[in-house]
């Protein structure tokens, strides 16, 4: 065999090897560069998120509980809230879950109340649902409902709302009708020069 065909064959082998390596690199690159986000909510099953607690003062329930049921046909939510006692479950009218399974919202209309929409975002590990709104009227503290894994567990003790660190300043009140108005501060009189009296001013 002459040198020319051998060189041609080796060049072809080298080019084929390079193309093969490049194709492996292209196939492997997306897996390394863009790892798909994990699905936090399972596509099927039942999940319960709750912050239900019992007041140590009067033994009444506080908090809320959200039960999400995911079926092949439809997703449903049962919403329970407290107003002294635990309400009957309210079935959500509309349930919307984003394709990544990280956020969802639903619309409910409790008896004798206006319709409202409740929105929540799941934590990275899926063990808590953070609702829009604030806890104890403090915008820095979100409402967090933990995922229930022990369905036989008793509700814990409610936390007492801490006092707000920066309460709004109280508006000054006017004088009460039965109290006399405070006298105004005395006006500053002009300085008297020697030999002059107030009558000559």
N, C-alpha and C. Protein backbone atom coordinates (compact mmCIF):
# COMPACT_ATOMS: atom_id res chain seq x y z
N UNK A 1 0.86 -1.18 0.00
CA UNK A 1 0.00 0.00 0.00
C UNK A 1 0.90 1.23 0.00
N UNK A 2 0.55 2.20 -0.81
CA UNK A 2 1.35 3.41 -0.91
C UNK A 2 1.09 4.31 0.28
N UNK A 3 1.96 5.30 0.42
CA UNK A 3 1.84 6.21 1.57
C UNK A 3 0.63 7.12 1.45
N UNK A 4 0.24 7.50 0.20
CA UNK A 4 -0.88 8.44 0.02
C UNK A 4 -2.19 7.87 0.54
N UNK A 5 -2.59 6.63 0.15
CA UNK A 5 -3.84 6.09 0.70
C UNK A 5 -3.77 5.89 2.21
N UNK A 6 -2.60 5.53 2.74
CA UNK A 6 -2.48 5.33 4.19
C UNK A 6 -2.67 6.65 4.93
N UNK A 7 -2.09 7.73 4.37
CA UNK A 7 -2.24 9.04 5.00
C UNK A 7 -3.69 9.50 4.92
N UNK A 8 -4.33 9.22 3.77
CA UNK A 8 -5.73 9.60 3.60
C UNK A 8 -6.61 8.86 4.60
N UNK A 9 -6.33 7.58 4.80
CA UNK A 9 -7.08 6.77 5.74
C UNK A 9 -6.89 7.26 7.18
N UNK A 10 -5.66 7.61 7.53
CA UNK A 10 -5.41 8.09 8.89
C UNK A 10 -6.08 9.45 9.13
N UNK A 11 -6.11 10.30 8.08
CA UNK A 11 -6.79 11.59 8.23
C UNK A 11 -8.29 11.39 8.44
N UNK A 12 -8.86 10.45 7.67
CA UNK A 12 -10.29 10.16 7.82
C UNK A 12 -10.58 9.61 9.23
N UNK A 13 -9.71 8.75 9.71
CA UNK A 13 -9.90 8.20 11.06
C UNK A 13 -9.81 9.30 12.10
N UNK A 14 -8.85 10.21 11.92
CA UNK A 14 -8.68 11.31 12.86
C UNK A 14 -9.90 12.23 12.85
N UNK A 15 -10.41 12.55 11.66
CA UNK A 15 -11.59 13.41 11.55
C UNK A 15 -12.82 12.74 12.15
N UNK A 16 -12.99 11.44 11.89
CA UNK A 16 -14.13 10.70 12.44
C UNK A 16 -14.06 10.66 13.96
N UNK A 17 -12.86 10.45 14.48
CA UNK A 17 -12.70 10.42 15.94
C UNK A 17 -13.02 11.77 16.56
N UNK A 18 -12.56 12.85 15.89
CA UNK A 18 -12.83 14.19 16.40
C UNK A 18 -14.33 14.49 16.38
N UNK A 19 -15.01 14.09 15.29
CA UNK A 19 -16.46 14.31 15.22
C UNK A 19 -17.21 13.50 16.28
N UNK A 20 -16.74 12.29 16.52
CA UNK A 20 -17.38 11.46 17.53
C UNK A 20 -17.23 12.06 18.92
N UNK A 21 -16.03 12.55 19.23
CA UNK A 21 -15.80 13.20 20.53
C UNK A 21 -16.63 14.47 20.66
N UNK A 22 -16.71 15.24 19.58
CA UNK A 22 -17.50 16.48 19.62
C UNK A 22 -18.98 16.18 19.84
N UNK A 23 -19.49 15.12 19.21
CA UNK A 23 -20.91 14.79 19.40
C UNK A 23 -21.19 14.36 20.83
N UNK A 24 -20.25 13.60 21.43
CA UNK A 24 -20.42 13.23 22.85
C UNK A 24 -20.42 14.47 23.74
N UNK A 25 -19.55 15.44 23.42
CA UNK A 25 -19.48 16.66 24.23
C UNK A 25 -20.77 17.46 24.11
N UNK A 26 -21.32 17.53 22.90
CA UNK A 26 -22.57 18.27 22.69
C UNK A 26 -23.72 17.60 23.43
N UNK A 27 -23.76 16.25 23.41
CA UNK A 27 -24.83 15.55 24.11
C UNK A 27 -24.71 15.68 25.62
N UNK A 28 -23.50 15.71 26.13
CA UNK A 28 -23.30 15.77 27.58
C UNK A 28 -23.41 17.19 28.13
N UNK A 29 -23.14 18.21 27.31
CA UNK A 29 -23.11 19.59 27.79
C UNK A 29 -24.43 20.06 28.39
N UNK A 30 -25.59 19.84 27.74
CA UNK A 30 -26.83 20.33 28.34
C UNK A 30 -27.11 19.72 29.71
N UNK A 31 -26.72 18.45 29.91
CA UNK A 31 -26.98 17.80 31.19
C UNK A 31 -26.13 18.42 32.28
N UNK A 32 -24.92 18.85 31.93
CA UNK A 32 -24.05 19.46 32.92
C UNK A 32 -24.40 20.92 33.16
N UNK A 33 -24.72 21.65 32.10
CA UNK A 33 -24.94 23.09 32.21
C UNK A 33 -26.33 23.41 32.77
N UNK A 34 -27.35 22.72 32.30
CA UNK A 34 -28.72 23.04 32.70
C UNK A 34 -29.37 21.83 33.33
N UNK A 35 -29.27 21.75 34.62
CA UNK A 35 -29.93 20.67 35.33
C UNK A 35 -31.39 21.07 35.56
N UNK A 36 -32.33 20.26 35.13
CA UNK A 36 -33.73 20.65 35.28
C UNK A 36 -34.11 20.77 36.74
N UNK A 37 -35.00 21.75 37.02
CA UNK A 37 -35.45 21.97 38.40
C UNK A 37 -36.28 20.79 38.88
N UNK A 38 -36.07 20.42 40.11
CA UNK A 38 -36.79 19.28 40.68
C UNK A 38 -38.27 19.62 40.85
N UNK A 39 -39.11 18.65 40.63
CA UNK A 39 -40.55 18.82 40.80
C UNK A 39 -40.85 18.74 42.30
N UNK A 40 -41.27 19.86 42.88
CA UNK A 40 -41.50 19.90 44.33
C UNK A 40 -42.79 19.17 44.68
N UNK A 41 -43.87 19.50 43.99
CA UNK A 41 -45.15 18.83 44.23
C UNK A 41 -45.23 17.57 43.38
N UNK A 42 -45.53 16.44 43.98
CA UNK A 42 -45.73 15.25 43.15
C UNK A 42 -46.95 15.42 42.25
N UNK A 43 -46.92 14.79 41.11
CA UNK A 43 -48.02 14.94 40.16
C UNK A 43 -49.30 14.30 40.68
N UNK A 44 -49.19 13.22 41.44
CA UNK A 44 -50.37 12.54 41.98
C UNK A 44 -50.21 12.34 43.47
N UNK A 45 -51.33 12.35 44.19
CA UNK A 45 -51.28 12.08 45.62
C UNK A 45 -51.94 13.18 46.43
N UNK A 46 -51.75 13.11 47.75
CA UNK A 46 -52.36 14.07 48.66
C UNK A 46 -51.30 14.69 49.56
N UNK A 47 -51.37 16.00 49.70
CA UNK A 47 -50.43 16.74 50.56
C UNK A 47 -51.24 17.62 51.51
N UNK A 48 -50.79 17.70 52.76
CA UNK A 48 -51.47 18.52 53.76
C UNK A 48 -50.45 19.49 54.35
N UNK A 49 -50.83 20.78 54.36
CA UNK A 49 -50.00 21.83 54.96
C UNK A 49 -50.83 22.49 56.06
N UNK A 50 -50.23 22.70 57.23
CA UNK A 50 -51.01 23.18 58.36
C UNK A 50 -50.15 23.99 59.32
N UNK A 51 -50.79 24.99 59.95
CA UNK A 51 -50.19 25.68 61.09
C UNK A 51 -51.19 25.71 62.25
N UNK A 52 -52.10 24.71 62.27
CA UNK A 52 -53.11 24.65 63.33
C UNK A 52 -52.43 24.55 64.69
N UNK A 53 -52.99 25.26 65.65
CA UNK A 53 -52.46 25.25 67.01
C UNK A 53 -53.61 25.48 67.98
N UNK A 54 -53.32 25.28 69.27
CA UNK A 54 -54.33 25.46 70.31
C UNK A 54 -53.88 26.57 71.24
N UNK A 55 -54.76 27.52 71.48
CA UNK A 55 -54.44 28.64 72.36
C UNK A 55 -54.30 28.15 73.80
N UNK A 56 -53.20 28.50 74.47
CA UNK A 56 -53.05 28.08 75.87
C UNK A 56 -54.00 28.82 76.81
N UNK A 57 -54.56 29.94 76.38
CA UNK A 57 -55.43 30.74 77.25
C UNK A 57 -56.84 30.16 77.34
N UNK A 58 -57.41 29.80 76.17
CA UNK A 58 -58.80 29.35 76.18
C UNK A 58 -59.02 27.99 75.52
N UNK A 59 -57.94 27.36 75.02
CA UNK A 59 -58.07 26.03 74.42
C UNK A 59 -58.71 26.03 73.05
N UNK A 60 -58.88 27.19 72.40
CA UNK A 60 -59.48 27.26 71.08
C UNK A 60 -58.42 27.06 70.00
N UNK A 61 -58.88 26.60 68.83
CA UNK A 61 -57.98 26.40 67.71
C UNK A 61 -57.60 27.74 67.08
N UNK A 62 -56.43 27.77 66.49
CA UNK A 62 -55.98 28.89 65.68
C UNK A 62 -55.25 28.36 64.46
N UNK A 63 -55.16 29.17 63.42
CA UNK A 63 -54.42 28.76 62.22
C UNK A 63 -55.31 28.27 61.11
N UNK A 64 -54.69 27.55 60.16
CA UNK A 64 -55.42 27.06 58.99
C UNK A 64 -54.76 25.79 58.47
N UNK A 65 -55.51 25.06 57.66
CA UNK A 65 -55.01 23.80 57.09
C UNK A 65 -55.44 23.71 55.63
N UNK A 66 -54.51 23.33 54.78
CA UNK A 66 -54.77 23.21 53.34
C UNK A 66 -54.45 21.79 52.91
N UNK A 67 -55.43 21.11 52.34
CA UNK A 67 -55.25 19.75 51.84
C UNK A 67 -55.34 19.77 50.32
N UNK A 68 -54.25 19.44 49.67
CA UNK A 68 -54.19 19.42 48.20
C UNK A 68 -54.26 17.97 47.73
N UNK A 69 -55.23 17.68 46.86
CA UNK A 69 -55.40 16.34 46.30
C UNK A 69 -55.17 16.42 44.79
N UNK A 70 -54.24 15.63 44.30
CA UNK A 70 -53.90 15.65 42.87
C UNK A 70 -54.29 14.32 42.23
N UNK A 71 -55.27 14.39 41.35
CA UNK A 71 -55.75 13.23 40.62
C UNK A 71 -55.41 13.37 39.15
N UNK A 72 -55.62 12.31 38.40
CA UNK A 72 -55.36 12.38 36.95
C UNK A 72 -56.32 13.35 36.27
N UNK A 73 -57.55 13.44 36.80
CA UNK A 73 -58.55 14.28 36.15
C UNK A 73 -58.47 15.74 36.58
N UNK A 74 -58.22 15.97 37.87
CA UNK A 74 -58.32 17.33 38.38
C UNK A 74 -57.54 17.44 39.69
N UNK A 75 -57.15 18.68 40.04
CA UNK A 75 -56.54 18.98 41.34
C UNK A 75 -57.60 19.66 42.20
N UNK A 76 -57.72 19.24 43.46
CA UNK A 76 -58.70 19.84 44.36
C UNK A 76 -58.01 20.29 45.64
N UNK A 77 -58.62 21.27 46.31
CA UNK A 77 -58.12 21.78 47.58
C UNK A 77 -59.27 21.84 48.59
N UNK A 78 -59.01 21.35 49.79
CA UNK A 78 -59.91 21.52 50.93
C UNK A 78 -59.24 22.52 51.86
N UNK A 79 -59.96 23.59 52.18
CA UNK A 79 -59.40 24.66 53.01
C UNK A 79 -60.15 24.71 54.34
N UNK A 80 -59.39 24.71 55.45
CA UNK A 80 -59.97 24.83 56.78
C UNK A 80 -59.32 26.01 57.49
N UNK A 81 -60.13 26.77 58.19
CA UNK A 81 -59.61 27.93 58.91
C UNK A 81 -60.26 27.95 60.28
N UNK A 82 -59.81 28.84 61.13
CA UNK A 82 -60.33 28.88 62.50
C UNK A 82 -60.88 30.25 62.82
N UNK A 83 -61.96 30.23 63.58
CA UNK A 83 -62.54 31.46 64.12
C UNK A 83 -63.10 31.08 65.48
N UNK A 84 -62.22 30.69 66.38
CA UNK A 84 -62.62 30.15 67.67
C UNK A 84 -62.65 28.63 67.64
N UNK A 85 -63.21 28.06 66.60
CA UNK A 85 -63.23 26.61 66.40
C UNK A 85 -62.83 26.31 64.98
N UNK A 86 -62.54 25.06 64.69
CA UNK A 86 -62.13 24.66 63.34
C UNK A 86 -63.35 24.61 62.43
N UNK A 87 -63.26 25.25 61.26
CA UNK A 87 -64.39 25.32 60.33
C UNK A 87 -64.59 23.98 59.63
N UNK A 88 -65.76 23.85 59.01
CA UNK A 88 -65.95 22.73 58.09
C UNK A 88 -65.05 22.96 56.89
N UNK A 89 -64.54 21.88 56.27
CA UNK A 89 -63.69 22.09 55.09
C UNK A 89 -64.46 22.80 53.97
N UNK A 90 -63.80 23.79 53.38
CA UNK A 90 -64.38 24.52 52.25
C UNK A 90 -63.69 24.03 50.98
N UNK A 91 -64.45 23.59 50.00
CA UNK A 91 -63.88 23.10 48.75
C UNK A 91 -63.58 24.29 47.85
N UNK A 92 -62.36 24.34 47.33
CA UNK A 92 -61.94 25.45 46.48
C UNK A 92 -62.69 25.42 45.15
N UNK A 93 -63.03 26.63 44.67
CA UNK A 93 -63.72 26.74 43.38
C UNK A 93 -62.75 26.56 42.22
N UNK A 94 -61.54 27.03 42.38
CA UNK A 94 -60.56 27.02 41.29
C UNK A 94 -59.19 26.73 41.90
N UNK A 95 -58.46 25.79 41.28
CA UNK A 95 -57.12 25.44 41.73
C UNK A 95 -56.18 25.53 40.53
N UNK A 96 -55.12 26.33 40.67
CA UNK A 96 -54.15 26.48 39.58
C UNK A 96 -52.76 26.20 40.15
N UNK A 97 -52.06 25.25 39.53
CA UNK A 97 -50.70 24.87 39.96
C UNK A 97 -49.77 25.10 38.78
N UNK A 98 -48.64 25.77 39.05
CA UNK A 98 -47.71 26.04 37.94
C UNK A 98 -47.03 24.74 37.52
N UNK A 99 -46.59 24.62 36.25
CA UNK A 99 -46.05 23.36 35.74
C UNK A 99 -44.87 22.82 36.54
N UNK A 100 -44.09 23.70 37.17
CA UNK A 100 -42.93 23.23 37.94
C UNK A 100 -43.34 22.70 39.31
N UNK A 101 -44.59 22.93 39.70
CA UNK A 101 -45.05 22.44 40.99
C UNK A 101 -44.46 23.20 42.16
N UNK A 102 -44.17 24.48 41.99
CA UNK A 102 -43.59 25.26 43.07
C UNK A 102 -44.56 26.29 43.64
N UNK A 103 -45.55 26.67 42.89
CA UNK A 103 -46.53 27.65 43.35
C UNK A 103 -47.93 27.19 42.97
N UNK A 104 -48.89 27.58 43.77
CA UNK A 104 -50.28 27.35 43.38
C UNK A 104 -51.18 28.34 44.11
N UNK A 105 -52.35 28.52 43.56
CA UNK A 105 -53.34 29.36 44.22
C UNK A 105 -54.71 28.74 44.02
N UNK A 106 -55.63 29.12 44.90
CA UNK A 106 -56.99 28.61 44.81
C UNK A 106 -57.94 29.67 45.33
N UNK A 107 -59.20 29.55 44.94
CA UNK A 107 -60.24 30.51 45.31
C UNK A 107 -61.28 29.79 46.15
N UNK A 108 -61.61 30.39 47.29
CA UNK A 108 -62.63 29.80 48.18
C UNK A 108 -63.62 30.88 48.60
N UNK A 109 -64.80 30.43 48.99
CA UNK A 109 -65.81 31.33 49.51
C UNK A 109 -66.40 30.70 50.77
N UNK A 110 -65.83 31.02 51.94
CA UNK A 110 -66.39 30.49 53.20
C UNK A 110 -67.82 30.99 53.40
N UNK A 111 -68.61 30.28 54.20
CA UNK A 111 -70.00 30.71 54.44
C UNK A 111 -70.05 32.11 55.03
N UNK A 112 -70.95 32.91 54.51
CA UNK A 112 -71.20 34.28 54.98
C UNK A 112 -69.97 35.18 54.85
N UNK A 113 -69.08 34.85 53.92
CA UNK A 113 -67.90 35.68 53.68
C UNK A 113 -67.73 35.90 52.19
N UNK A 114 -66.93 36.89 51.85
CA UNK A 114 -66.65 37.16 50.45
C UNK A 114 -65.65 36.15 49.90
N UNK A 115 -65.70 35.96 48.59
CA UNK A 115 -64.76 35.07 47.93
C UNK A 115 -63.34 35.63 48.04
N UNK A 116 -62.38 34.77 48.26
CA UNK A 116 -61.00 35.22 48.36
C UNK A 116 -60.07 34.22 47.70
N UNK A 117 -58.91 34.73 47.27
CA UNK A 117 -57.90 33.90 46.62
C UNK A 117 -56.71 33.76 47.55
N UNK A 118 -56.25 32.54 47.72
CA UNK A 118 -55.11 32.24 48.59
C UNK A 118 -53.98 31.73 47.72
N UNK A 119 -52.82 32.38 47.84
CA UNK A 119 -51.65 32.02 47.04
C UNK A 119 -50.54 31.52 47.94
N UNK A 120 -49.78 30.55 47.43
CA UNK A 120 -48.67 30.01 48.23
C UNK A 120 -47.52 29.57 47.36
N UNK A 121 -46.32 29.58 47.96
CA UNK A 121 -45.10 29.12 47.30
C UNK A 121 -44.45 28.07 48.18
N UNK A 122 -44.04 26.96 47.58
CA UNK A 122 -43.42 25.90 48.34
C UNK A 122 -41.93 26.19 48.57
N UNK A 123 -41.44 25.74 49.72
CA UNK A 123 -40.02 25.87 50.01
C UNK A 123 -39.23 24.95 49.07
N UNK A 124 -37.92 25.12 49.04
CA UNK A 124 -37.08 24.35 48.13
C UNK A 124 -37.21 22.85 48.37
N UNK A 125 -37.33 22.46 49.64
CA UNK A 125 -37.44 21.03 49.95
C UNK A 125 -38.88 20.53 49.96
N UNK A 126 -39.85 21.43 49.73
CA UNK A 126 -41.25 21.03 49.67
C UNK A 126 -41.87 20.73 51.02
N UNK A 127 -41.19 21.08 52.11
CA UNK A 127 -41.71 20.76 53.44
C UNK A 127 -42.50 21.89 54.08
N UNK A 128 -42.66 22.99 53.38
CA UNK A 128 -43.42 24.11 53.92
C UNK A 128 -44.08 24.87 52.77
N UNK A 129 -45.23 25.44 53.06
CA UNK A 129 -45.97 26.28 52.12
C UNK A 129 -46.03 27.68 52.70
N UNK A 130 -45.46 28.64 52.00
CA UNK A 130 -45.44 30.03 52.46
C UNK A 130 -46.55 30.79 51.73
N UNK A 131 -47.50 31.30 52.50
CA UNK A 131 -48.64 32.00 51.92
C UNK A 131 -48.36 33.49 51.79
N UNK A 132 -48.99 34.11 50.80
CA UNK A 132 -48.94 35.56 50.70
C UNK A 132 -49.62 36.15 51.94
N UNK A 133 -49.09 37.23 52.43
CA UNK A 133 -49.64 37.84 53.62
C UNK A 133 -48.60 37.86 54.72
N UNK A 134 -49.02 38.17 55.93
CA UNK A 134 -48.07 38.28 57.03
C UNK A 134 -48.65 37.65 58.29
N UNK A 135 -47.75 37.24 59.18
CA UNK A 135 -48.14 36.63 60.44
C UNK A 135 -48.16 37.70 61.52
N UNK A 136 -49.23 37.75 62.29
CA UNK A 136 -49.38 38.74 63.36
C UNK A 136 -49.26 40.17 62.84
N UNK A 137 -49.72 40.41 61.62
CA UNK A 137 -49.69 41.75 61.01
C UNK A 137 -48.28 42.32 60.89
N UNK A 138 -47.29 41.45 60.88
CA UNK A 138 -45.90 41.88 60.70
C UNK A 138 -45.47 41.49 59.29
N UNK A 139 -45.29 42.46 58.37
CA UNK A 139 -44.95 42.11 56.98
C UNK A 139 -43.62 41.38 56.85
N UNK A 140 -42.77 41.43 57.87
CA UNK A 140 -41.48 40.75 57.79
C UNK A 140 -41.58 39.26 58.13
N UNK A 141 -42.71 38.85 58.70
CA UNK A 141 -42.88 37.44 59.09
C UNK A 141 -43.98 36.83 58.22
N UNK A 142 -43.62 35.94 57.28
CA UNK A 142 -44.63 35.34 56.41
C UNK A 142 -45.43 34.25 57.14
N UNK A 143 -46.58 33.92 56.58
CA UNK A 143 -47.38 32.81 57.10
C UNK A 143 -46.82 31.51 56.50
N UNK A 144 -46.33 30.64 57.36
CA UNK A 144 -45.70 29.39 56.91
C UNK A 144 -46.48 28.21 57.45
N UNK A 145 -46.96 27.35 56.55
CA UNK A 145 -47.68 26.13 56.92
C UNK A 145 -46.76 24.96 56.64
N UNK A 146 -46.47 24.17 57.66
CA UNK A 146 -45.57 23.03 57.50
C UNK A 146 -46.33 21.84 56.91
N UNK A 147 -45.60 21.03 56.14
CA UNK A 147 -46.19 19.83 55.55
C UNK A 147 -46.40 18.78 56.64
N UNK A 148 -47.60 18.22 56.69
CA UNK A 148 -47.94 17.24 57.71
C UNK A 148 -47.53 15.85 57.23
N UNK A 149 -46.73 15.18 58.06
CA UNK A 149 -46.34 13.80 57.76
C UNK A 149 -46.92 12.82 58.76
N UNK A 150 -47.22 13.30 59.97
CA UNK A 150 -47.83 12.47 61.01
C UNK A 150 -49.27 12.92 61.20
N UNK A 151 -50.22 12.16 60.64
CA UNK A 151 -51.62 12.57 60.68
C UNK A 151 -52.25 12.32 62.04
N UNK A 152 -51.58 11.62 62.94
CA UNK A 152 -52.10 11.40 64.27
C UNK A 152 -51.56 12.38 65.29
N UNK A 153 -50.72 13.31 64.84
CA UNK A 153 -50.10 14.26 65.75
C UNK A 153 -51.12 15.28 66.25
N UNK A 154 -51.03 15.61 67.53
CA UNK A 154 -51.89 16.64 68.11
C UNK A 154 -51.36 18.02 67.74
N UNK A 155 -52.27 18.98 67.65
CA UNK A 155 -51.86 20.35 67.33
C UNK A 155 -51.02 20.92 68.46
N UNK A 156 -50.03 21.72 68.12
CA UNK A 156 -49.16 22.32 69.12
C UNK A 156 -49.80 23.55 69.75
N UNK A 157 -49.01 24.23 70.56
CA UNK A 157 -49.48 25.42 71.27
C UNK A 157 -49.25 26.64 70.39
N UNK A 158 -50.25 27.52 70.32
CA UNK A 158 -50.14 28.73 69.51
C UNK A 158 -49.09 29.67 70.09
N UNK A 159 -48.36 30.32 69.21
CA UNK A 159 -47.41 31.34 69.65
C UNK A 159 -48.15 32.66 69.83
N UNK A 160 -47.76 33.38 70.85
CA UNK A 160 -48.36 34.69 71.09
C UNK A 160 -47.70 35.69 70.14
N UNK A 161 -48.50 36.53 69.53
CA UNK A 161 -47.95 37.53 68.62
C UNK A 161 -47.07 38.50 69.39
N UNK A 162 -45.84 38.70 68.92
CA UNK A 162 -44.96 39.66 69.62
C UNK A 162 -45.42 41.08 69.34
N UNK A 163 -45.10 42.02 70.23
CA UNK A 163 -45.46 43.41 69.95
C UNK A 163 -44.67 43.93 68.76
N UNK A 164 -45.29 44.79 67.97
CA UNK A 164 -44.63 45.35 66.81
C UNK A 164 -43.46 46.22 67.26
N UNK A 165 -42.32 46.09 66.54
CA UNK A 165 -41.13 46.84 66.93
C UNK A 165 -41.29 48.33 66.65
N UNK A 166 -41.92 48.68 65.55
CA UNK A 166 -42.10 50.09 65.20
C UNK A 166 -43.58 50.38 65.02
N UNK A 167 -44.32 50.49 66.12
CA UNK A 167 -45.75 50.78 65.97
C UNK A 167 -45.98 52.17 65.40
N UNK A 168 -47.09 52.33 64.74
CA UNK A 168 -47.42 53.64 64.15
C UNK A 168 -47.60 54.66 65.26
N UNK A 169 -47.07 55.87 65.07
CA UNK A 169 -47.22 56.89 66.13
C UNK A 169 -48.68 57.25 66.32
N UNK A 170 -49.05 57.41 67.58
CA UNK A 170 -50.45 57.76 67.90
C UNK A 170 -50.72 59.20 67.51
N UNK A 171 -51.91 59.42 66.98
CA UNK A 171 -52.27 60.78 66.59
C UNK A 171 -52.55 61.61 67.85
N UNK A 172 -52.09 62.86 67.86
CA UNK A 172 -52.33 63.67 69.07
C UNK A 172 -53.82 63.93 69.22
N UNK A 173 -54.26 63.81 70.45
CA UNK A 173 -55.68 64.02 70.74
C UNK A 173 -55.91 65.46 71.17
N UNK A 174 -57.04 66.01 70.82
CA UNK A 174 -57.41 67.37 71.23
C UNK A 174 -57.81 67.38 72.69
N UNK A 175 -57.99 68.55 73.26
CA UNK A 175 -58.39 68.62 74.68
C UNK A 175 -59.77 68.01 74.88
N UNK A 176 -59.90 67.30 75.98
CA UNK A 176 -61.17 66.67 76.31
C UNK A 176 -62.17 67.74 76.73
N UNK A 177 -63.46 67.52 76.50
CA UNK A 177 -64.47 68.53 76.86
C UNK A 177 -64.47 68.90 78.33
N UNK A 178 -64.20 67.90 79.21
CA UNK A 178 -64.26 68.19 80.64
C UNK A 178 -62.93 68.69 81.19
N UNK A 179 -61.92 68.80 80.32
CA UNK A 179 -60.63 69.28 80.77
C UNK A 179 -60.37 70.66 80.17
N UNK A 180 -59.84 71.59 80.97
CA UNK A 180 -59.55 72.92 80.41
C UNK A 180 -58.37 72.83 79.45
N UNK A 181 -58.42 73.69 78.45
CA UNK A 181 -57.33 73.73 77.49
C UNK A 181 -56.08 74.27 78.17
N UNK A 182 -54.94 73.72 77.78
CA UNK A 182 -53.68 74.18 78.35
C UNK A 182 -53.39 75.59 77.85
N UNK A 183 -52.88 76.47 78.71
CA UNK A 183 -52.57 77.82 78.24
C UNK A 183 -51.43 77.79 77.23
N UNK A 184 -51.51 78.72 76.30
CA UNK A 184 -50.47 78.79 75.28
C UNK A 184 -49.17 79.25 75.91
N UNK A 185 -48.07 78.88 75.27
CA UNK A 185 -46.76 79.29 75.78
C UNK A 185 -46.65 80.80 75.72
N UNK A 186 -46.05 81.40 76.73
CA UNK A 186 -45.95 82.88 76.73
C UNK A 186 -45.12 83.38 75.57
N UNK A 187 -45.57 84.51 75.01
CA UNK A 187 -44.83 85.08 73.88
C UNK A 187 -43.54 85.71 74.38
N UNK A 188 -42.53 85.67 73.55
CA UNK A 188 -41.24 86.26 73.93
C UNK A 188 -41.33 87.76 73.75
N UNK A 189 -41.11 88.52 74.86
CA UNK A 189 -41.18 89.98 74.81
C UNK A 189 -39.86 90.54 74.30
N UNK A 190 -39.92 91.71 73.65
CA UNK A 190 -38.66 92.29 73.19
C UNK A 190 -37.80 92.73 74.37
N UNK A 191 -36.51 92.63 74.17
CA UNK A 191 -35.58 92.99 75.23
C UNK A 191 -35.66 94.50 75.50
N UNK A 192 -35.79 94.85 76.79
CA UNK A 192 -35.89 96.25 77.17
C UNK A 192 -34.50 96.86 77.28
N UNK A 193 -34.39 98.06 76.73
CA UNK A 193 -33.13 98.79 76.87
C UNK A 193 -33.16 99.62 78.15
N UNK A 194 -32.05 99.93 78.65
CA UNK A 194 -31.98 100.71 79.90
C UNK A 194 -32.66 102.06 79.72
N UNK A 195 -33.45 102.45 80.66
CA UNK A 195 -34.12 103.74 80.65
C UNK A 195 -35.44 103.72 79.92
N UNK A 196 -35.86 102.58 79.34
CA UNK A 196 -37.15 102.53 78.63
C UNK A 196 -38.10 101.62 79.42
N UNK A 197 -39.37 101.91 79.32
CA UNK A 197 -40.38 101.10 79.98
C UNK A 197 -41.26 100.46 78.93
N UNK A 198 -42.08 99.52 79.35
CA UNK A 198 -42.97 98.87 78.38
C UNK A 198 -43.95 99.84 77.79
N UNK A 199 -44.27 100.88 78.49
CA UNK A 199 -45.24 101.85 77.96
C UNK A 199 -44.65 102.63 76.79
N UNK A 200 -43.35 102.80 76.76
CA UNK A 200 -42.77 103.56 75.67
C UNK A 200 -42.46 102.73 74.45
N UNK A 201 -42.73 101.48 74.49
CA UNK A 201 -42.44 100.61 73.32
C UNK A 201 -43.55 100.68 72.30
